[in-house]
Protein backbone atom coordinates (compact mmCIF):
# COMPACT_ATOMS: atom_id res chain seq x y z
CA UNK A 1 37.48 -11.75 41.53
CA UNK A 2 35.05 -14.35 40.14
CA UNK A 3 36.40 -17.42 38.35
CA UNK A 4 35.01 -16.29 34.97
CA UNK A 5 36.51 -12.81 35.29
CA UNK A 6 39.86 -14.27 36.39
CA UNK A 7 39.86 -16.65 33.42
CA UNK A 8 39.10 -13.81 31.02
CA UNK A 9 42.07 -11.82 32.37
CA UNK A 10 44.34 -14.82 32.11
CA UNK A 11 43.34 -15.43 28.49
CA UNK A 12 44.02 -11.81 27.61
CA UNK A 13 47.42 -11.81 29.29
CA UNK A 14 48.77 -15.20 28.30
CA UNK A 15 46.86 -16.05 25.12
CA UNK A 16 45.83 -19.38 26.56
CA UNK A 17 44.28 -21.69 23.95
CA UNK A 18 41.75 -23.11 24.09
CA UNK A 19 40.37 -20.55 26.47
CA UNK A 20 36.79 -20.63 27.73
CA UNK A 21 34.93 -17.34 28.14
CA UNK A 22 32.19 -16.50 30.55
CA UNK A 23 28.63 -17.35 29.47
CA UNK A 24 26.97 -14.44 27.66
CA UNK A 25 24.75 -12.54 30.07
CA UNK A 26 22.84 -9.77 28.28
CA UNK A 27 21.99 -6.65 30.17
CA UNK A 28 18.35 -6.25 31.16
CA UNK A 29 16.14 -5.00 28.33
CA UNK A 30 15.38 -1.78 30.19
CA UNK A 31 19.10 -0.96 30.50
CA UNK A 32 19.71 -1.70 26.82
CA UNK A 33 16.83 0.53 25.76
CA UNK A 34 18.05 3.33 28.01
CA UNK A 35 21.55 3.11 26.55
CA UNK A 36 20.07 3.24 23.04
CA UNK A 37 17.93 6.25 23.92
CA UNK A 38 20.84 8.13 25.50
CA UNK A 39 23.11 7.42 22.52
CA UNK A 40 20.39 8.72 20.18
CA UNK A 41 19.98 11.92 22.18
CA UNK A 42 23.71 12.46 21.78
CA UNK A 43 23.10 12.46 18.00
CA UNK A 44 20.49 15.21 18.23
CA UNK A 45 17.39 13.00 18.36
CA UNK A 46 14.35 13.73 20.53
CA UNK A 47 13.17 10.26 21.61
CA UNK A 48 10.09 11.57 23.42
CA UNK A 49 7.97 8.84 24.99
CA UNK A 50 9.22 5.25 24.73
CA UNK A 51 7.10 2.77 26.68
CA UNK A 52 7.38 -1.02 26.68
CA UNK A 53 4.84 -3.27 28.41
CA UNK A 54 4.78 -7.04 28.64
CA UNK A 55 1.81 -8.82 30.13
CA UNK A 56 0.45 -5.47 31.24
CA UNK A 57 3.60 -4.77 33.28
CA UNK A 58 5.88 -1.85 32.39
CA UNK A 59 9.34 -2.99 31.29
CA UNK A 60 10.55 0.46 30.29
CA UNK A 61 8.95 3.89 30.63
CA UNK A 62 11.20 6.57 29.18
CA UNK A 63 10.52 10.26 28.69
CA UNK A 64 13.38 12.09 26.97
CA UNK A 65 13.48 15.55 25.47
CA UNK A 66 11.24 18.59 25.87
CA UNK A 67 7.57 18.92 25.07
CA UNK A 68 8.23 22.68 25.08
CA UNK A 69 11.80 23.74 24.33
CA UNK A 70 11.12 27.32 25.44
CA UNK A 71 10.23 26.38 29.00
CA UNK A 72 12.11 23.08 29.12
CA UNK A 73 8.91 21.25 30.11
CA UNK A 74 9.38 17.51 29.85
CA UNK A 75 7.06 14.92 28.38
CA UNK A 76 4.54 13.20 30.62
CA UNK A 77 1.69 10.72 30.31
CA UNK A 78 -0.89 13.45 29.57
CA UNK A 79 1.18 15.31 26.97
CA UNK A 80 -0.92 15.74 23.82
CA UNK A 81 0.55 14.60 20.47
CA UNK A 82 -0.73 14.68 16.91
CA UNK A 83 -0.90 10.94 16.12
CA UNK A 84 -1.10 11.28 12.32
CA UNK A 85 -2.15 8.13 10.49
CA UNK A 86 -2.75 6.31 13.76
CA UNK A 87 -6.14 7.99 13.27
CA UNK A 88 -6.94 5.23 10.78
CA UNK A 89 -7.24 2.55 13.45
CA UNK A 90 -9.86 4.65 15.26
CA UNK A 91 -11.77 5.13 12.01
CA UNK A 92 -11.63 1.41 11.27
CA UNK A 93 -12.82 0.56 14.79
CA UNK A 94 -15.79 2.92 14.38
CA UNK A 95 -16.70 1.27 11.06
CA UNK A 96 -16.51 -2.18 12.67
CA UNK A 97 -18.77 -1.01 15.49
CA UNK A 98 -21.33 0.10 12.92
CA UNK A 99 -21.01 -3.28 11.22
CA UNK A 100 -21.61 -5.03 14.55
CA UNK A 101 -24.76 -2.93 15.01
CA UNK A 102 -25.99 -3.76 11.51
CA UNK A 103 -25.88 -0.13 10.40
CA UNK A 104 -23.62 -1.09 7.50
CA UNK A 105 -21.88 -4.14 6.09
CA UNK A 106 -18.22 -4.45 5.20
CA UNK A 107 -19.12 -5.54 1.66
CA UNK A 108 -21.42 -2.56 1.12
CA UNK A 109 -20.54 -0.73 -2.12
CA UNK A 110 -20.03 3.02 -2.17
CA UNK A 111 -23.23 3.54 -4.14
CA UNK A 112 -25.19 2.77 -0.96
CA UNK A 113 -23.85 5.93 0.70
CA UNK A 114 -22.83 7.93 -2.37
CA UNK A 115 -25.47 7.65 -5.09
CA UNK A 116 -23.68 10.53 -6.81
CA UNK A 117 -20.42 8.55 -7.18
CA UNK A 118 -19.20 8.03 -10.76
CA UNK A 119 -19.57 4.61 -12.32
CA UNK A 120 -15.92 3.57 -11.89
CA UNK A 121 -16.19 3.99 -8.11
CA UNK A 122 -19.70 2.82 -7.22
CA UNK A 123 -18.56 -0.79 -6.72
CA UNK A 124 -15.74 0.03 -4.27
CA UNK A 125 -16.56 -1.66 -0.96
CA UNK A 126 -16.09 -0.62 2.65
CA UNK A 127 -13.68 -3.55 3.04
CA UNK A 128 -11.55 -2.26 0.17
CA UNK A 129 -11.40 1.24 1.66
CA UNK A 130 -10.35 -0.19 5.03
CA UNK A 131 -7.58 -2.32 3.51
CA UNK A 132 -6.23 0.29 1.03
CA UNK A 133 -7.28 -1.91 -1.88
CA UNK A 134 -9.92 0.40 -3.36
CA UNK A 135 -7.82 1.62 -6.29
CA UNK A 136 -8.05 5.21 -5.03
CA UNK A 137 -4.69 6.93 -5.09
CA UNK A 138 -3.30 9.95 -3.27
CA UNK A 139 -1.08 10.62 -6.28
CA UNK A 140 -3.51 11.43 -9.06
CA UNK A 141 -5.69 14.29 -7.83
CA UNK A 142 -7.88 12.46 -5.36
CA UNK A 143 -5.96 14.05 -2.54
CA UNK A 144 -4.79 17.36 -3.95
CA UNK A 145 -3.31 20.03 -1.70
CA UNK A 146 -1.73 19.78 1.73
CA UNK A 147 -3.03 19.14 5.24
CA UNK A 148 -2.10 22.70 6.20
CA UNK A 149 -4.16 24.21 3.37
CA UNK A 150 -7.37 26.11 4.19
CA UNK A 151 -10.46 24.15 5.15
CA UNK A 152 -11.81 21.85 2.45
CA UNK A 153 -15.51 21.02 2.65
CA UNK A 154 -17.05 17.62 2.03
CA UNK A 155 -18.29 18.80 -1.38
CA UNK A 156 -14.84 20.11 -2.37
CA UNK A 157 -13.13 16.93 -1.24
CA UNK A 158 -15.58 14.66 -3.04
CA UNK A 159 -15.43 16.69 -6.24
CA UNK A 160 -11.69 16.08 -6.63
CA UNK A 161 -12.05 12.46 -5.51
CA UNK A 162 -14.81 11.62 -8.00
CA UNK A 163 -12.91 13.33 -10.83
CA UNK A 164 -9.68 11.40 -10.22
CA UNK A 165 -8.92 8.16 -12.08
CA UNK A 166 -8.38 4.90 -10.24
CA UNK A 167 -4.80 3.63 -10.15
CA UNK A 168 -5.94 0.02 -10.34
CA UNK A 169 -9.17 -1.92 -10.35
CA UNK A 170 -10.81 -2.17 -6.90
CA UNK A 171 -9.70 -5.22 -4.97
CA UNK A 172 -6.71 -5.97 -7.22
CA UNK A 173 -3.98 -4.92 -4.78
CA UNK A 174 -2.70 -2.65 -2.04
CA UNK A 175 -2.01 1.07 -2.36
CA UNK A 176 -1.99 3.21 0.77
CA UNK A 177 -4.71 5.83 0.43
CA UNK A 178 -5.39 8.67 2.86
CA UNK A 179 -8.24 9.71 0.58
CA UNK A 180 -9.90 6.35 1.16
CA UNK A 181 -9.98 6.87 4.91
CA UNK A 182 -11.39 10.38 4.54
CA UNK A 183 -14.11 8.77 2.46
CA UNK A 184 -14.73 6.34 5.34
CA UNK A 185 -15.16 9.32 7.67
CA UNK A 186 -17.95 10.56 5.39
CA UNK A 187 -19.46 7.04 5.36
CA UNK A 188 -19.57 7.19 9.17
CA UNK A 189 -21.25 10.58 9.03
CA UNK A 190 -23.87 9.49 6.49
CA UNK A 191 -24.53 6.19 8.25
CA UNK A 192 -25.03 7.80 11.67
CA UNK A 193 -26.29 11.28 10.85
CA UNK A 194 -23.61 12.62 13.21
CA UNK A 195 -20.37 14.47 12.67
CA UNK A 196 -17.35 12.19 12.43
CA UNK A 197 -15.85 13.16 15.79
CA UNK A 198 -19.20 12.98 17.59
CA UNK A 199 -19.79 9.49 16.20
CA UNK A 200 -16.22 8.47 17.01
CA UNK A 201 -16.67 9.49 20.63
CA UNK A 202 -19.90 7.50 21.00
CA UNK A 203 -18.76 4.40 19.13
CA UNK A 204 -15.12 4.09 20.14
CA UNK A 205 -13.58 6.67 22.46
CA UNK A 206 -16.09 6.57 25.32
CA UNK A 207 -16.27 2.74 25.45
CA UNK A 208 -12.48 2.75 25.70
CA UNK A 209 -12.47 5.40 28.44
CA UNK A 210 -10.55 7.97 26.37
CA UNK A 211 -11.11 11.60 27.30
CA UNK A 212 -7.99 13.19 25.80
CA UNK A 213 -8.24 11.86 22.26
CA UNK A 214 -9.87 13.72 19.37
CA UNK A 215 -9.75 16.76 17.15
CA UNK A 216 -11.82 19.48 18.86
CA UNK A 217 -13.93 17.74 21.52
CA UNK A 218 -11.28 16.23 23.81
CA UNK A 219 -9.99 17.70 27.06
CA UNK A 220 -6.74 19.58 26.55
CA UNK A 221 -4.86 22.69 27.60
CA UNK A 222 -1.99 24.72 26.23
CA UNK A 223 0.04 23.64 29.26
CA UNK A 224 -0.25 19.93 28.48
CA UNK A 225 -0.09 19.97 24.67
CA UNK A 226 3.34 19.17 23.23
CA UNK A 227 4.68 21.75 20.80
CA UNK A 228 5.88 20.42 17.47
CA UNK A 229 9.42 21.01 16.18
CA UNK A 230 10.50 20.84 12.55
CA UNK A 231 14.27 20.51 12.69
CA UNK A 232 14.44 21.08 8.96
CA UNK A 233 15.16 24.63 10.14
CA UNK A 234 18.34 25.79 11.87
CA UNK A 235 16.59 28.78 13.45
CA UNK A 236 14.87 27.57 16.66
CA UNK A 237 12.05 30.05 16.18
CA UNK A 238 11.29 28.69 12.72
CA UNK A 239 11.64 25.09 13.92
CA UNK A 240 9.00 25.70 16.58
CA UNK A 241 5.68 24.87 14.90
CA UNK A 242 3.70 25.51 18.06
CA UNK A 243 0.48 23.62 18.69
CA UNK A 244 0.05 22.93 14.99
CA UNK A 245 -3.66 22.42 14.24
CA UNK A 246 -5.03 22.69 17.78
CA UNK A 247 -5.15 26.47 17.76
CA UNK A 248 -6.62 26.48 14.26
CA UNK A 249 -9.37 24.08 15.25
CA UNK A 250 -10.57 26.36 18.02
CA UNK A 251 -12.43 28.32 15.34
CA UNK A 252 -12.27 26.18 12.19
CA UNK A 253 -13.73 22.72 11.46
CA UNK A 254 -11.35 19.91 10.54
CA UNK A 255 -10.76 19.80 6.80
CA UNK A 256 -12.20 16.80 4.98
CA UNK A 257 -8.76 16.33 3.50
CA UNK A 258 -7.60 15.25 6.98
CA UNK A 259 -10.77 13.97 8.64
CA UNK A 260 -10.65 10.26 9.40
CA UNK A 261 -7.19 9.61 7.95
CA UNK A 262 -4.96 11.72 10.21
CA UNK A 263 -4.69 14.59 12.63
CA UNK A 264 -6.29 13.08 15.73
CA UNK A 265 -4.52 14.02 18.94
CA UNK A 266 -3.94 11.75 21.90
CA UNK A 267 -1.72 11.25 24.94
CA UNK A 268 0.53 8.38 26.02
CA UNK A 269 -1.91 7.56 28.82
CA UNK A 270 -4.85 7.47 26.42
CA UNK A 271 -2.96 5.35 23.88
CA UNK A 272 -2.19 2.85 26.66
CA UNK A 273 -5.86 2.86 27.67
CA UNK A 274 -6.85 2.40 24.03
CA UNK A 275 -4.72 -0.67 23.46
CA UNK A 276 -5.80 -2.18 26.79
CA UNK A 277 -9.52 -1.59 26.18
CA UNK A 278 -9.38 -2.64 22.53
CA UNK A 279 -7.82 -6.01 23.25
CA UNK A 280 -9.90 -6.57 26.36
CA UNK A 281 -13.03 -6.52 24.20
CA UNK A 282 -14.38 -3.24 25.60
CA UNK A 283 -14.69 -1.68 22.13
CA UNK A 284 -15.17 -4.51 19.62
CA UNK A 285 -16.42 -8.07 19.81
CA UNK A 286 -14.11 -11.03 19.26
CA UNK A 287 -14.93 -11.41 15.56
CA UNK A 288 -14.23 -7.74 14.82
CA UNK A 289 -11.02 -7.83 16.85
CA UNK A 290 -9.87 -10.84 14.87
CA UNK A 291 -10.31 -8.84 11.65
CA UNK A 292 -7.97 -6.14 13.01
CA UNK A 293 -5.28 -8.78 13.39
CA UNK A 294 -5.91 -10.78 10.21
CA UNK A 295 -3.56 -10.63 7.19
CA UNK A 296 -6.21 -9.39 4.75
CA UNK A 297 -4.26 -7.74 1.90
CA UNK A 298 -0.60 -8.39 1.04
CA UNK A 299 1.74 -5.40 1.07
CA UNK A 300 3.72 -4.77 -2.11
CA UNK A 301 6.75 -3.60 -0.15
CA UNK A 302 6.66 -4.86 3.44
CA UNK A 303 7.82 -2.23 5.92
CA UNK A 304 9.27 -2.83 8.35
CA UNK A 305 10.13 -6.38 7.16
CA UNK A 306 8.09 -7.85 10.02
CA UNK A 307 4.86 -6.58 8.48
CA UNK A 308 3.62 -8.36 5.35
CA UNK A 309 -0.12 -7.54 5.21
CA UNK A 310 -2.65 -4.84 6.01
CA UNK A 311 -5.83 -5.46 7.94
CA UNK A 312 -8.24 -2.72 9.06
CA UNK A 313 -6.08 0.22 10.14
CA UNK A 314 -3.13 -1.99 11.12
CA UNK A 315 -0.04 -3.51 9.54
CA UNK A 316 0.07 -7.23 10.30
CA UNK A 317 2.91 -9.72 10.44
CA UNK A 318 4.90 -12.01 12.70
CA UNK A 319 7.98 -11.56 14.80
CA UNK A 320 10.93 -13.93 14.23
CA UNK A 321 9.59 -16.06 17.09
CA UNK A 322 6.38 -16.59 15.11
CA UNK A 323 4.29 -14.41 17.39
CA UNK A 324 1.53 -12.48 15.57
CA UNK A 325 2.42 -8.79 15.56
CA UNK A 326 0.44 -5.71 14.56
CA UNK A 327 1.63 -2.14 14.16
CA UNK A 328 0.91 1.26 12.69
CA UNK A 329 2.68 4.59 12.70
CA UNK A 330 1.62 8.14 12.01
CA UNK A 331 3.41 11.38 11.25
CA UNK A 332 2.75 14.83 9.86
CA UNK A 333 6.47 15.49 9.41
CA UNK A 334 6.68 17.10 12.84
CA UNK A 335 5.07 14.62 15.24
CA UNK A 336 5.67 10.87 14.98
CA UNK A 337 3.86 8.04 16.75
CA UNK A 338 4.17 4.28 16.42
CA UNK A 339 2.43 1.42 18.21
CA UNK A 340 3.35 -2.25 18.08
CA UNK A 341 1.37 -4.97 19.80
CA UNK A 342 1.65 -8.73 20.25
CA UNK A 343 -1.72 -10.15 21.30
CA UNK A 344 -0.32 -13.56 22.29
CA UNK A 345 2.03 -12.16 24.96
CA UNK A 346 0.22 -8.86 25.53
CA UNK A 347 3.36 -6.95 24.52
CA UNK A 348 3.10 -3.24 23.70
CA UNK A 349 5.73 -0.85 22.35
CA UNK A 350 4.64 2.81 22.22
CA UNK A 351 6.78 5.58 20.77
CA UNK A 352 5.68 9.24 20.54
CA UNK A 353 7.84 12.26 19.69
CA UNK A 354 7.31 15.89 18.69
CA UNK A 355 10.45 16.09 16.50
CA UNK A 356 10.18 13.57 13.68
CA UNK A 357 13.08 14.56 11.43
CA UNK A 358 15.98 12.22 10.73
CA UNK A 359 15.74 8.55 11.63
CA UNK A 360 13.83 9.00 14.89
CA UNK A 361 10.86 7.01 13.59
CA UNK A 362 12.93 3.81 13.70
CA UNK A 363 13.17 3.78 17.48
CA UNK A 364 10.11 1.71 18.36
CA UNK A 365 10.90 -0.87 15.69
CA UNK A 366 14.51 -1.13 16.83
CA UNK A 367 13.26 -1.78 20.36
CA UNK A 368 11.27 -4.72 18.99
CA UNK A 369 14.44 -6.12 17.43
CA UNK A 370 16.21 -5.71 20.77
CA UNK A 371 13.46 -7.81 22.36
CA UNK A 372 13.91 -10.50 19.67
CA UNK A 373 17.71 -10.65 19.94
CA UNK A 374 19.45 -10.06 23.30
CA UNK A 375 22.71 -9.39 21.43
CA UNK A 376 21.31 -6.79 19.05
CA UNK A 377 22.65 -3.27 19.59
CA UNK A 378 21.03 -0.80 17.16
CA UNK A 379 22.89 2.19 15.86
CA UNK A 380 21.66 5.41 17.46
CA UNK A 381 19.05 7.34 15.51
CA UNK A 382 19.59 11.02 14.77
CA UNK A 383 17.43 14.11 14.58
CA UNK A 384 18.13 14.98 10.95
CA UNK A 385 21.07 16.65 9.21
CA UNK A 386 20.60 20.08 10.78
CA UNK A 387 20.56 18.60 14.28
CA UNK A 388 23.65 16.51 13.44
CA UNK A 389 25.52 19.63 12.36
CA UNK A 390 24.41 21.45 15.51
CA UNK A 391 25.57 18.52 17.64
CA UNK A 392 28.93 18.54 15.88
CA UNK A 393 29.28 22.27 16.56
CA UNK A 394 28.56 21.74 20.24
CA UNK A 395 31.44 19.27 20.52
CA UNK A 396 34.00 20.93 18.24
CA UNK A 397 35.48 24.30 17.36
CA UNK A 398 35.35 25.90 13.88
CA UNK A 399 38.95 24.86 13.34
CA UNK A 400 37.71 21.24 13.19
CA UNK A 401 35.33 21.86 10.27
CA UNK A 402 37.28 19.42 8.06
CA UNK A 403 36.07 16.61 10.35
CA UNK A 404 32.40 17.33 9.65
CA UNK A 405 31.99 15.25 6.43
CA UNK A 406 33.35 12.11 8.11
CA UNK A 407 31.18 12.81 11.17
CA UNK A 408 28.07 13.03 8.98
CA UNK A 409 29.04 9.97 6.93
CA UNK A 410 29.34 7.85 10.08
CA UNK A 411 25.85 8.85 11.22
CA UNK A 412 23.79 9.38 8.08
CA UNK A 413 25.82 7.52 5.46
CA UNK A 414 26.37 10.69 3.42
CA UNK A 415 29.59 12.73 3.76
CA UNK A 416 28.17 15.47 1.49
CA UNK A 417 25.00 16.89 3.04
CA UNK A 418 22.38 18.51 0.85
CA UNK A 419 23.41 22.09 0.10
CA UNK A 420 20.52 23.57 2.08
CA UNK A 421 21.73 21.98 5.34
CA UNK A 422 24.99 23.89 5.75
CA UNK A 423 23.57 26.93 4.00
CA UNK A 424 20.75 27.36 6.52
CA UNK A 425 22.92 26.47 9.48
CA UNK A 426 25.76 28.78 8.40
CA UNK A 427 23.50 31.76 7.68
CA UNK A 428 21.81 31.31 11.05
CA UNK A 429 25.22 31.39 12.74
CA UNK A 430 26.05 34.63 10.92
CA UNK A 431 22.73 36.16 11.94
CA UNK A 432 23.40 35.19 15.55
CA UNK A 433 26.82 36.84 15.50
CA UNK A 434 28.80 33.59 15.47
CA UNK A 435 31.03 34.58 12.55
CA UNK A 436 33.66 31.86 12.91
CA UNK A 437 31.16 29.01 12.71
CA UNK A 438 29.09 30.72 10.05
CA UNK A 439 32.05 31.24 7.75
CA UNK A 440 33.41 27.75 8.39
CA UNK A 441 30.11 26.13 7.44
CA UNK A 442 29.48 28.29 4.39
CA UNK A 443 33.05 27.93 3.08
CA UNK A 444 32.83 24.15 3.42
CA UNK A 445 29.44 24.15 1.71
CA UNK A 446 30.75 26.15 -1.26
CA UNK A 447 33.66 23.73 -1.56
CA UNK A 448 31.37 20.68 -1.44
CA UNK A 449 28.96 22.17 -4.00
CA UNK A 450 31.17 24.35 -6.23
CA UNK A 451 28.62 24.72 -9.04
CA UNK A 452 25.77 26.16 -6.95
CA UNK A 453 25.59 29.91 -7.35
CA UNK A 454 23.22 30.39 -4.44
CA UNK A 455 25.91 29.11 -2.07
CA UNK A 456 28.39 31.61 -3.47
CA UNK A 457 25.78 34.32 -2.82
CA UNK A 458 25.38 33.14 0.80
CA UNK A 459 29.14 33.02 1.33
CA UNK A 460 29.52 36.51 -0.13
CA UNK A 461 26.82 37.76 2.24
CA UNK A 462 28.68 36.23 5.18
CA UNK A 463 31.91 37.93 4.12
CA UNK A 464 30.06 41.22 3.73
CA UNK A 465 28.51 40.94 7.18
CA UNK A 466 31.91 40.26 8.74
CA UNK A 467 33.71 43.12 6.96
CA UNK A 468 35.61 41.04 4.39
CA UNK A 469 34.43 43.20 1.51
CA UNK A 470 36.93 42.19 -1.17
CA UNK A 471 36.06 38.53 -0.64
CA UNK A 472 32.39 39.46 -0.68
CA UNK A 473 32.75 41.17 -4.07
CA UNK A 474 34.64 38.18 -5.47
CA UNK A 475 31.98 35.67 -4.42
CA UNK A 476 29.06 37.84 -5.53
CA UNK A 477 30.71 37.88 -8.98
CA UNK A 478 31.12 34.11 -8.83
CA UNK A 479 27.43 33.76 -7.91
CA UNK A 480 26.48 35.82 -10.97
CA UNK A 481 28.80 33.84 -13.24
CA UNK A 482 27.23 30.56 -12.16
CA UNK A 483 23.81 32.13 -12.58
CA UNK A 484 24.39 32.57 -16.30
CA UNK A 485 23.98 28.82 -16.84
CA UNK A 486 21.18 28.29 -14.31
CA UNK A 487 17.58 27.75 -15.40
CA UNK A 488 16.35 29.90 -12.52
CA UNK A 489 18.90 32.28 -11.07
CA UNK A 490 16.75 33.22 -8.09
CA UNK A 491 19.80 34.63 -6.30
CA UNK A 492 21.03 36.83 -9.16
CA UNK A 493 19.03 39.96 -8.36
CA UNK A 494 20.27 39.93 -4.78
CA UNK A 495 23.87 39.24 -5.82
CA UNK A 496 23.84 42.01 -8.43
CA UNK A 497 22.35 44.58 -6.03
CA UNK A 498 24.86 43.66 -3.33
CA UNK A 499 27.77 43.78 -5.77
CA UNK A 500 26.70 47.20 -7.09
CA UNK A 501 26.52 48.47 -3.53
CA UNK A 502 29.97 47.13 -2.62
CA UNK A 503 31.56 48.45 -5.81
CA UNK A 504 30.19 51.87 -4.97
CA UNK A 505 31.60 51.59 -1.47
CA UNK A 506 35.02 50.66 -2.89
CA UNK A 507 35.01 53.57 -5.34
CA UNK A 508 34.23 56.05 -2.57
CA UNK A 509 37.08 54.92 -0.36
């Protein structure tokens, strides 16, 4: 036994005072990250890819979870992910390349490329679009619809953009705008005479050596593409969102609602190549690279706290040590990607997952805090409330249902989950023939939300499916009673039809 260990035992046994303890010796960073990842998986999270490099040397390379839950295929360096708003840094790099070539200038106003633009928008500059300080807002009609909506042409996109009011005067402050980056994609097309993705490949992707990054033109296969999972759903088949846009883009162009601001796909290997090539000067010259790292526009609400400004496609700030630090994340609600980079020490943190629900998006930023503080032990992240309930069920029996609120409170801070969480999970259990769990979840849900008639309807259905017909009739009646005071009793027609059917059954017995 070492002296320090012996002294620690002696202190514990005899309460010696003063008593010296052994010097603090933190575990290696890689071991701490692995423990954090494993603890998060135990809470239903899908960490995916977590890579940490310092000075070009891998410190941690983790791959946790399944890129395809059906086959159990694991993640790997060539697994294809939707990188969401990380697309913006590629758009900004392409614009800077065009500025280097003299094709455009960063202070060019929109009227140079859009003579049809309305008067309130003609003076918006390329710089303001790049830094989200154009005054364009995603909240007032400039960005109507959803990414998953049918294809929107350039003309359709611009019509809604030109008709929308500005939220503030151009250059007066920061407001994140996806619409602004889609407008930059059109600037690239009009400046080059090429389609956005074709220009992106020539200006940015090929100089960086990226062959698996893009919308429609990159190399990919069904076998290597990660499937996306929306764990908002309890039913695994509904949670499986498949290859998302990739299959759609086989036959359909990329909508201008998404072009340039999100939806690019890439792999961990390509993202590593991108960061290496970008900061080696293979894509941009030194002056352009400095702009990517400069604190150009102050953020109204810094997030995470490290990041205080926005540059061109990057959040910018400093770590507690004072080291300059840049980052961006991207998500479509299913996939999540984040990149953090410290140019002074050549430190890279890459996180990519295909199951973005819950608090999973914090992982990369928590790893950065672990690097800053050897004593910091982050709480595990979780995969969302449905996954938490499923994890609880795996470790308990239905008789322990009373423990569920405290379990959820300890992990999500809320002992009363939203009504849809237990409703969906309980109904799925009933549909799968797991009556005990289904009833336990639905009974608890009705108790936690006693004024919601839809939950009474679900509980009545569960009783009906399990042969408890008198209870079913009682709860269908309760659902209808609560429906009398509801603005929209969307469950009432079902409850009334079911009750009529069960009353008829009772009268015939």
